[in-house]
Amino acid sequence: MKIKSMMVPDPITITVKHSVPEAIELMKVSGIRHLPVVDDNQALIGLLTLADLKQALVPSMLGDFSLPDMMIKNPITVSPEDDVEIAAQIIYKHKIGGLPVVSGQRLVGIITESDLLRAFIDMMGILSSSTRIDLTTSDASGGLNNAIQIIHDQGGDIINVGMTAQRTSKRTYYFRLSSCDSQKISKALERGGFIVQAVME
């Protein structure tokens, strides 16, 4: 999935001509925590966060801080053509809440941890009417395919499959299915040699 399909396009921006109180007010009114700073050609020159601005509010009123003093210069950016995984890795690695999206030097969007969480929820089908079955099997070749076949044979419609990342002798799979007869499917899986760890409707 490309970042351009998830980013907030044409985000709210500010220029260095504005004051810290003006930037804080714009963020509060707009309900945002990240505010890109651009020049007159929409080229990205910095990034402001609400947390940093709040710390600078009183000093800025005394004339000690201006917007350029508080902005993150040369912030980490991503391209609209990058994969969403790249944005997720950067946000996680650097413990930041959002990334400007640029094409060349021009700001074209912003992607935040909230956007990534929404995408994860959508992909996992968490908010849809569904069933989750967690099962454990040996890490032998064919285990996953066998589980999928059993679920299909029992009328289950798989929305997605997750699994533990660790390489161990046993692996846990997380199947999210459309609403179904979960007990019938779990019993069939157990007969097939799988250990059903949990069933959640």
Foldseek 3Di string as FASTA:
>chain_A
DFQLVQFAWPDAAAEQVDFLVVVLVVCVVVVHFKHFYADPVQFTFFMAGNVQSVVCVVVVVVVNDGPVRRTHGPDDAAERGDHVVVVVVVCVVVVDFKHFYDDPRHTTGIDGPVSVVVVVCVQLVVPPQKKKWKKKDFPDPPPVVVLVVLCVVQVWAFSDKDKDPDDDRMIMMITITHDDPVVVSVVSVVVVVIGTPDMGD
